[in-house]
Amino acid sequence: MESPLNTQKDYDEYVKQKSPNSPILKNCFNAFWIGGLICSIGQVIQDFCLYQGIDKELSGTIVSIILIAISAILTGLNIFNKIGKIAGAGSLIPITGFANSIVAPSIEYKSEGYVMGVGAKMFTVAGPVLVYGICTAIVVGLIYLLFNVPATLV
């Protein structure tokens, strides 16, 4: 019995038929406005903190904590995933995407237990980001230290 996909050309045509074209312009627009909305919410929170007399550095920390908490709650309620389907990278680039990448595996693997499920799988997506981010920070710090030695140490 011969397969209907005899050649690479037949296979390529079959894949082209079955794969829908993605609406790139629509996806870019949704990522732009939803990502912008998330950042605008963060800006409103920071402006409110500054209005309350909190210094700028602490305001930034408060904004990060609130956006992470909102993202974690929305992930737990399965709302963030629906936003992500519409927004794409627009919801993943801000800090909310990082929070989602930790909370979602925790929820998914909870049935395997708290140690081997939640604890082991929590950083499946975020782990490499943390490892390479920390390693890069160490390398950059060492390079900075080597080339910016104070004159008193020389």
N, C-alpha and C. Protein backbone atom coordinates (compact mmCIF):
# COMPACT_ATOMS: atom_id res chain seq x y z
N MET A 1 0.84 -1.19 0.00
CA MET A 1 0.00 0.00 0.00
C MET A 1 0.88 1.25 0.00
N GLU A 2 0.65 2.12 -0.93
CA GLU A 2 1.48 3.29 -1.08
C GLU A 2 0.87 4.49 -0.36
N SER A 3 1.70 5.25 0.31
CA SER A 3 1.25 6.43 1.04
C SER A 3 0.94 7.56 0.05
N PRO A 4 -0.10 8.38 0.36
CA PRO A 4 -0.41 9.51 -0.53
C PRO A 4 0.67 10.60 -0.48
N LEU A 5 1.57 10.54 0.52
CA LEU A 5 2.63 11.53 0.66
C LEU A 5 3.95 10.90 0.21
N ASN A 6 4.09 10.73 -1.09
CA ASN A 6 5.25 10.03 -1.64
C ASN A 6 6.52 10.85 -1.63
N THR A 7 6.40 12.15 -1.81
CA THR A 7 7.59 12.97 -1.93
C THR A 7 7.56 14.09 -0.90
N GLN A 8 8.68 14.74 -0.78
CA GLN A 8 8.78 15.89 0.13
C GLN A 8 7.82 16.99 -0.33
N LYS A 9 7.66 17.14 -1.64
CA LYS A 9 6.76 18.15 -2.19
C LYS A 9 5.32 17.87 -1.77
N ASP A 10 4.90 16.60 -1.84
CA ASP A 10 3.55 16.22 -1.41
C ASP A 10 3.36 16.51 0.08
N TYR A 11 4.37 16.19 0.84
CA TYR A 11 4.28 16.42 2.29
C TYR A 11 4.20 17.91 2.59
N ASP A 12 5.02 18.72 1.94
CA ASP A 12 5.00 20.17 2.15
C ASP A 12 3.64 20.75 1.80
N GLU A 13 3.05 20.27 0.71
CA GLU A 13 1.73 20.75 0.32
C GLU A 13 0.66 20.34 1.34
N TYR A 14 0.78 19.12 1.84
CA TYR A 14 -0.16 18.63 2.87
C TYR A 14 -0.07 19.48 4.13
N VAL A 15 1.14 19.79 4.57
CA VAL A 15 1.33 20.62 5.77
C VAL A 15 0.77 22.02 5.53
N LYS A 16 1.00 22.55 4.35
CA LYS A 16 0.50 23.89 4.01
C LYS A 16 -1.03 23.94 4.07
N GLN A 17 -1.69 22.85 3.63
CA GLN A 17 -3.15 22.78 3.67
C GLN A 17 -3.66 22.73 5.10
N LYS A 18 -2.99 21.96 5.94
CA LYS A 18 -3.46 21.73 7.31
C LYS A 18 -3.07 22.83 8.29
N SER A 19 -2.07 23.61 7.97
CA SER A 19 -1.59 24.67 8.86
C SER A 19 -2.25 25.99 8.51
N PRO A 20 -3.04 26.52 9.42
CA PRO A 20 -3.67 27.82 9.12
C PRO A 20 -2.64 28.95 9.17
N ASN A 21 -2.85 29.94 8.34
CA ASN A 21 -2.00 31.12 8.38
C ASN A 21 -2.35 31.94 9.61
N SER A 22 -1.31 32.40 10.30
CA SER A 22 -1.58 33.21 11.49
C SER A 22 -1.73 34.68 11.08
N PRO A 23 -2.69 35.36 11.68
CA PRO A 23 -2.89 36.78 11.37
C PRO A 23 -1.85 37.63 12.08
N ILE A 24 -0.71 37.82 11.43
CA ILE A 24 0.44 38.47 12.07
C ILE A 24 0.12 39.89 12.51
N LEU A 25 -0.52 40.67 11.68
CA LEU A 25 -0.82 42.06 12.03
C LEU A 25 -1.74 42.13 13.24
N LYS A 26 -2.76 41.29 13.27
CA LYS A 26 -3.69 41.26 14.41
C LYS A 26 -2.96 40.83 15.68
N ASN A 27 -2.11 39.82 15.56
CA ASN A 27 -1.36 39.34 16.73
C ASN A 27 -0.43 40.42 17.28
N CYS A 28 0.24 41.14 16.40
CA CYS A 28 1.13 42.23 16.82
C CYS A 28 0.34 43.34 17.50
N PHE A 29 -0.82 43.69 16.94
CA PHE A 29 -1.65 44.73 17.53
C PHE A 29 -2.12 44.33 18.93
N ASN A 30 -2.60 43.08 19.07
CA ASN A 30 -3.06 42.61 20.39
C ASN A 30 -1.92 42.57 21.40
N ALA A 31 -0.75 42.11 20.99
CA ALA A 31 0.40 42.09 21.89
C ALA A 31 0.77 43.51 22.32
N PHE A 32 0.71 44.44 21.38
CA PHE A 32 1.06 45.83 21.67
C PHE A 32 0.10 46.46 22.67
N TRP A 33 -1.21 46.36 22.43
CA TRP A 33 -2.13 47.08 23.31
C TRP A 33 -2.31 46.39 24.66
N ILE A 34 -2.26 45.07 24.70
CA ILE A 34 -2.41 44.40 25.99
C ILE A 34 -1.13 44.54 26.81
N GLY A 35 0.03 44.39 26.18
CA GLY A 35 1.29 44.64 26.89
C GLY A 35 1.37 46.08 27.38
N GLY A 36 0.93 47.01 26.55
CA GLY A 36 0.89 48.42 26.95
C GLY A 36 -0.07 48.66 28.10
N LEU A 37 -1.21 47.96 28.08
CA LEU A 37 -2.18 48.09 29.18
C LEU A 37 -1.59 47.60 30.49
N ILE A 38 -0.87 46.47 30.44
CA ILE A 38 -0.24 45.94 31.65
C ILE A 38 0.79 46.95 32.18
N CYS A 39 1.58 47.50 31.30
CA CYS A 39 2.58 48.49 31.71
C CYS A 39 1.92 49.77 32.23
N SER A 40 0.80 50.15 31.62
CA SER A 40 0.07 51.33 32.08
C SER A 40 -0.50 51.12 33.48
N ILE A 41 -0.98 49.92 33.74
CA ILE A 41 -1.47 49.60 35.09
C ILE A 41 -0.33 49.73 36.09
N GLY A 42 0.84 49.23 35.72
CA GLY A 42 2.01 49.39 36.58
C GLY A 42 2.36 50.85 36.81
N GLN A 43 2.24 51.66 35.76
CA GLN A 43 2.54 53.09 35.89
C GLN A 43 1.54 53.79 36.80
N VAL A 44 0.27 53.42 36.70
CA VAL A 44 -0.76 54.01 37.57
C VAL A 44 -0.46 53.66 39.03
N ILE A 45 -0.07 52.41 39.27
CA ILE A 45 0.27 52.00 40.64
C ILE A 45 1.47 52.79 41.14
N GLN A 46 2.49 52.96 40.30
CA GLN A 46 3.66 53.72 40.72
C GLN A 46 3.32 55.18 40.97
N ASP A 47 2.53 55.77 40.11
CA ASP A 47 2.13 57.17 40.32
C ASP A 47 1.35 57.32 41.61
N PHE A 48 0.51 56.36 41.94
CA PHE A 48 -0.25 56.41 43.19
C PHE A 48 0.70 56.32 44.39
N CYS A 49 1.69 55.43 44.30
CA CYS A 49 2.67 55.30 45.38
C CYS A 49 3.45 56.60 45.56
N LEU A 50 3.88 57.20 44.45
CA LEU A 50 4.61 58.46 44.52
C LEU A 50 3.72 59.56 45.10
N TYR A 51 2.45 59.57 44.73
CA TYR A 51 1.50 60.55 45.26
C TYR A 51 1.35 60.39 46.77
N GLN A 52 1.46 59.15 47.25
CA GLN A 52 1.35 58.88 48.69
C GLN A 52 2.63 59.22 49.44
N GLY A 53 3.68 59.65 48.72
CA GLY A 53 4.92 60.07 49.36
C GLY A 53 5.97 58.97 49.46
N ILE A 54 5.75 57.86 48.81
CA ILE A 54 6.72 56.77 48.83
C ILE A 54 7.80 57.10 47.80
N ASP A 55 9.08 56.86 48.16
CA ASP A 55 10.16 57.19 47.22
C ASP A 55 10.11 56.30 45.98
N LYS A 56 10.80 56.73 44.93
CA LYS A 56 10.70 56.09 43.61
C LYS A 56 11.18 54.64 43.63
N GLU A 57 12.27 54.35 44.34
CA GLU A 57 12.80 52.99 44.37
C GLU A 57 11.82 52.03 45.04
N LEU A 58 11.28 52.43 46.17
CA LEU A 58 10.31 51.58 46.87
C LEU A 58 9.02 51.45 46.06
N SER A 59 8.65 52.50 45.36
CA SER A 59 7.45 52.45 44.50
C SER A 59 7.61 51.40 43.41
N GLY A 60 8.80 51.32 42.81
CA GLY A 60 9.06 50.31 41.79
C GLY A 60 8.95 48.90 42.35
N THR A 61 9.43 48.72 43.56
CA THR A 61 9.32 47.41 44.21
C THR A 61 7.86 47.06 44.47
N ILE A 62 7.10 48.02 44.93
CA ILE A 62 5.67 47.79 45.20
C ILE A 62 4.94 47.44 43.92
N VAL A 63 5.25 48.13 42.83
CA VAL A 63 4.63 47.85 41.54
C VAL A 63 4.93 46.41 41.11
N SER A 64 6.18 46.00 41.24
CA SER A 64 6.56 44.63 40.86
C SER A 64 5.80 43.60 41.69
N ILE A 65 5.72 43.82 42.98
CA ILE A 65 5.03 42.87 43.86
C ILE A 65 3.55 42.79 43.50
N ILE A 66 2.92 43.93 43.27
CA ILE A 66 1.48 43.93 42.94
C ILE A 66 1.23 43.25 41.59
N LEU A 67 2.05 43.55 40.58
CA LEU A 67 1.86 42.92 39.27
C LEU A 67 2.10 41.41 39.32
N ILE A 68 3.08 40.98 40.11
CA ILE A 68 3.33 39.55 40.28
C ILE A 68 2.14 38.89 40.96
N ALA A 69 1.61 39.54 42.01
CA ALA A 69 0.46 38.98 42.74
C ALA A 69 -0.77 38.89 41.83
N ILE A 70 -1.03 39.93 41.06
CA ILE A 70 -2.17 39.92 40.14
C ILE A 70 -2.02 38.79 39.12
N SER A 71 -0.81 38.65 38.57
CA SER A 71 -0.56 37.60 37.59
C SER A 71 -0.73 36.22 38.20
N ALA A 72 -0.25 36.02 39.41
CA ALA A 72 -0.37 34.71 40.07
C ALA A 72 -1.84 34.38 40.35
N ILE A 73 -2.58 35.36 40.80
CA ILE A 73 -4.01 35.13 41.07
C ILE A 73 -4.76 34.83 39.78
N LEU A 74 -4.50 35.61 38.73
CA LEU A 74 -5.17 35.38 37.45
C LEU A 74 -4.78 34.03 36.85
N THR A 75 -3.54 33.60 37.07
CA THR A 75 -3.12 32.27 36.61
C THR A 75 -3.88 31.20 37.37
N GLY A 76 -3.98 31.35 38.67
CA GLY A 76 -4.71 30.39 39.49
C GLY A 76 -6.18 30.28 39.11
N LEU A 77 -6.76 31.38 38.67
CA LEU A 77 -8.17 31.39 38.26
C LEU A 77 -8.35 31.03 36.78
N ASN A 78 -7.25 30.69 36.11
CA ASN A 78 -7.23 30.33 34.69
C ASN A 78 -7.68 31.48 33.78
N ILE A 79 -7.48 32.69 34.23
CA ILE A 79 -7.82 33.87 33.43
C ILE A 79 -6.59 34.34 32.64
N PHE A 80 -5.41 34.23 33.26
CA PHE A 80 -4.19 34.71 32.59
C PHE A 80 -3.94 33.95 31.30
N ASN A 81 -4.23 32.66 31.28
CA ASN A 81 -4.03 31.88 30.05
C ASN A 81 -4.93 32.37 28.93
N LYS A 82 -6.15 32.78 29.27
CA LYS A 82 -7.06 33.32 28.25
C LYS A 82 -6.55 34.66 27.73
N ILE A 83 -6.01 35.47 28.63
CA ILE A 83 -5.41 36.74 28.20
C ILE A 83 -4.21 36.46 27.31
N GLY A 84 -3.41 35.47 27.69
CA GLY A 84 -2.22 35.11 26.92
C GLY A 84 -2.55 34.62 25.52
N LYS A 85 -3.69 33.94 25.35
CA LYS A 85 -4.07 33.47 24.01
C LYS A 85 -4.37 34.64 23.09
N ILE A 86 -4.89 35.71 23.65
CA ILE A 86 -5.20 36.90 22.84
C ILE A 86 -3.95 37.77 22.68
N ALA A 87 -3.23 37.99 23.79
CA ALA A 87 -2.13 38.94 23.79
C ALA A 87 -0.82 38.36 23.29
N GLY A 88 -0.64 37.07 23.38
CA GLY A 88 0.64 36.46 22.99
C GLY A 88 1.77 37.00 23.83
N ALA A 89 2.84 37.44 23.18
CA ALA A 89 4.02 37.93 23.89
C ALA A 89 3.74 39.21 24.66
N GLY A 90 2.66 39.90 24.35
CA GLY A 90 2.31 41.12 25.07
C GLY A 90 2.04 40.87 26.54
N SER A 91 1.61 39.66 26.88
CA SER A 91 1.38 39.34 28.29
C SER A 91 2.57 38.62 28.90
N LEU A 92 3.50 38.16 28.08
CA LEU A 92 4.63 37.40 28.60
C LEU A 92 5.87 38.24 28.85
N ILE A 93 6.01 39.33 28.14
CA ILE A 93 7.22 40.14 28.26
C ILE A 93 7.28 40.88 29.59
N PRO A 94 6.21 41.52 30.03
CA PRO A 94 6.31 42.17 31.34
C PRO A 94 6.52 41.14 32.45
N ILE A 95 6.73 41.60 33.65
CA ILE A 95 7.00 40.73 34.80
C ILE A 95 5.86 39.75 35.06
N THR A 96 4.68 40.06 34.54
CA THR A 96 3.54 39.17 34.72
C THR A 96 3.77 37.82 34.06
N GLY A 97 4.46 37.80 32.94
CA GLY A 97 4.76 36.54 32.26
C GLY A 97 5.69 35.66 33.07
N PHE A 98 6.64 36.28 33.76
CA PHE A 98 7.55 35.52 34.60
C PHE A 98 6.80 34.88 35.77
N ALA A 99 5.90 35.63 36.38
CA ALA A 99 5.10 35.08 37.48
C ALA A 99 4.24 33.93 36.98
N ASN A 100 3.65 34.09 35.81
CA ASN A 100 2.83 33.03 35.22
C ASN A 100 3.65 31.78 34.96
N SER A 101 4.90 31.95 34.55
CA SER A 101 5.73 30.78 34.23
C SER A 101 6.14 30.00 35.48
N ILE A 102 5.99 30.58 36.64
CA ILE A 102 6.26 29.85 37.89
C ILE A 102 4.98 29.26 38.46
N VAL A 103 3.89 30.00 38.42
CA VAL A 103 2.64 29.55 39.02
C VAL A 103 1.98 28.43 38.20
N ALA A 104 1.98 28.54 36.87
CA ALA A 104 1.29 27.56 36.03
C ALA A 104 1.82 26.13 36.23
N PRO A 105 3.15 25.89 36.21
CA PRO A 105 3.62 24.52 36.47
C PRO A 105 3.31 24.05 37.89
N SER A 106 3.30 24.98 38.84
CA SER A 106 2.97 24.60 40.22
C SER A 106 1.56 24.05 40.30
N ILE A 107 0.65 24.69 39.61
CA ILE A 107 -0.74 24.23 39.60
C ILE A 107 -0.85 22.91 38.84
N GLU A 108 -0.17 22.83 37.71
CA GLU A 108 -0.27 21.65 36.86
C GLU A 108 0.26 20.39 37.54
N TYR A 109 1.35 20.51 38.29
CA TYR A 109 1.98 19.34 38.88
C TYR A 109 1.64 19.14 40.36
N LYS A 110 0.65 19.85 40.86
CA LYS A 110 0.25 19.72 42.26
C LYS A 110 -0.18 18.28 42.58
N SER A 111 -0.78 17.60 41.63
CA SER A 111 -1.26 16.24 41.86
C SER A 111 -0.12 15.26 42.13
N GLU A 112 1.10 15.61 41.75
CA GLU A 112 2.25 14.74 41.99
C GLU A 112 2.85 14.95 43.37
N GLY A 113 2.27 15.83 44.16
CA GLY A 113 2.75 16.09 45.52
C GLY A 113 3.49 17.41 45.59
N TYR A 114 3.69 17.84 46.83
CA TYR A 114 4.31 19.15 47.02
C TYR A 114 5.82 19.13 46.78
N VAL A 115 6.48 18.01 47.05
CA VAL A 115 7.93 17.96 46.87
C VAL A 115 8.28 17.62 45.42
N MET A 116 7.82 16.46 44.94
CA MET A 116 8.19 16.01 43.60
C MET A 116 7.33 16.67 42.51
N GLY A 117 6.20 17.22 42.88
CA GLY A 117 5.35 17.90 41.91
C GLY A 117 5.62 19.39 41.88
N VAL A 118 5.10 20.08 42.89
CA VAL A 118 5.20 21.54 42.93
C VAL A 118 6.66 21.98 43.06
N GLY A 119 7.38 21.42 44.03
CA GLY A 119 8.76 21.85 44.27
C GLY A 119 9.69 21.57 43.12
N ALA A 120 9.56 20.39 42.52
CA ALA A 120 10.48 20.00 41.44
C ALA A 120 10.13 20.64 40.11
N LYS A 121 8.88 20.90 39.86
CA LYS A 121 8.46 21.38 38.53
C LYS A 121 8.20 22.89 38.48
N MET A 122 8.21 23.55 39.63
CA MET A 122 7.87 24.97 39.69
C MET A 122 8.75 25.82 38.77
N PHE A 123 10.02 25.50 38.68
CA PHE A 123 10.94 26.31 37.91
C PHE A 123 11.29 25.69 36.56
N THR A 124 10.42 24.84 36.04
CA THR A 124 10.67 24.18 34.76
C THR A 124 10.91 25.21 33.65
N VAL A 125 10.08 26.22 33.60
CA VAL A 125 10.21 27.24 32.56
C VAL A 125 11.12 28.37 33.04
N ALA A 126 10.92 28.81 34.28
CA ALA A 126 11.66 29.97 34.79
C ALA A 126 13.07 29.64 35.24
N GLY A 127 13.35 28.37 35.51
CA GLY A 127 14.66 27.97 36.01
C GLY A 127 15.81 28.37 35.11
N PRO A 128 15.76 28.03 33.81
CA PRO A 128 16.86 28.45 32.93
C PRO A 128 17.04 29.96 32.87
N VAL A 129 15.95 30.70 32.94
CA VAL A 129 16.04 32.16 32.93
C VAL A 129 16.80 32.63 34.17
N LEU A 130 16.48 32.06 35.32
CA LEU A 130 17.17 32.44 36.55
C LEU A 130 18.65 32.04 36.51
N VAL A 131 18.93 30.81 36.10
CA VAL A 131 20.31 30.32 36.07
C VAL A 131 21.17 31.19 35.15
N TYR A 132 20.72 31.40 33.91
CA TYR A 132 21.53 32.17 32.98
C TYR A 132 21.56 33.65 33.34
N GLY A 133 20.50 34.14 33.93
CA GLY A 133 20.49 35.54 34.39
C GLY A 133 21.49 35.75 35.52
N ILE A 134 21.51 34.84 36.48
CA ILE A 134 22.45 34.96 37.60
C ILE A 134 23.88 34.77 37.13
N CYS A 135 24.11 33.78 36.26
CA CYS A 135 25.47 33.55 35.74
C CYS A 135 25.97 34.76 34.94
N THR A 136 25.11 35.32 34.14
CA THR A 136 25.48 36.51 33.36
C THR A 136 25.80 37.68 34.29
N ALA A 137 25.00 37.85 35.34
CA ALA A 137 25.26 38.93 36.29
C ALA A 137 26.61 38.75 36.97
N ILE A 138 26.97 37.51 37.30
CA ILE A 138 28.27 37.25 37.93
C ILE A 138 29.41 37.57 36.97
N VAL A 139 29.29 37.12 35.71
CA VAL A 139 30.34 37.38 34.72
C VAL A 139 30.49 38.88 34.47
N VAL A 140 29.38 39.57 34.30
CA VAL A 140 29.44 41.02 34.06
C VAL A 140 30.03 41.73 35.28
N GLY A 141 29.65 41.28 36.47
CA GLY A 141 30.20 41.86 37.70
C GLY A 141 31.71 41.67 37.81
N LEU A 142 32.19 40.47 37.45
CA LEU A 142 33.62 40.21 37.49
C LEU A 142 34.37 41.05 36.46
N ILE A 143 33.80 41.16 35.27
CA ILE A 143 34.42 42.00 34.23
C ILE A 143 34.48 43.45 34.70
N TYR A 144 33.41 43.92 35.28
CA TYR A 144 33.37 45.30 35.80
C TYR A 144 34.43 45.48 36.88
N LEU A 145 34.55 44.49 37.76
CA LEU A 145 35.53 44.56 38.84
C LEU A 145 36.95 44.60 38.28
N LEU A 146 37.22 43.78 37.27
CA LEU A 146 38.57 43.72 36.70
C LEU A 146 38.97 45.02 36.00
N PHE A 147 38.04 45.66 35.33
CA PHE A 147 38.38 46.85 34.56
C PHE A 147 38.13 48.16 35.30
N ASN A 148 37.55 48.08 36.49
CA ASN A 148 37.29 49.29 37.27
C ASN A 148 37.86 49.17 38.68
N VAL A 149 39.11 48.73 38.75
CA VAL A 149 39.77 48.58 40.05
C VAL A 149 40.08 49.97 40.59
N PRO A 150 39.68 50.25 41.82
CA PRO A 150 39.98 51.57 42.39
C PRO A 150 41.49 51.80 42.48
N ALA A 151 41.92 53.05 42.37
CA ALA A 151 43.35 53.39 42.36
C ALA A 151 44.03 53.02 43.67
N THR A 152 43.30 52.95 44.77
CA THR A 152 43.88 52.60 46.05
C THR A 152 44.30 51.16 46.12
N LEU A 153 43.73 50.27 45.28
CA LEU A 153 44.09 48.87 45.30
C LEU A 153 45.26 48.55 44.39
N VAL A 154 45.62 49.45 43.49
CA VAL A 154 46.67 49.19 42.51
C VAL A 154 48.03 49.41 43.09
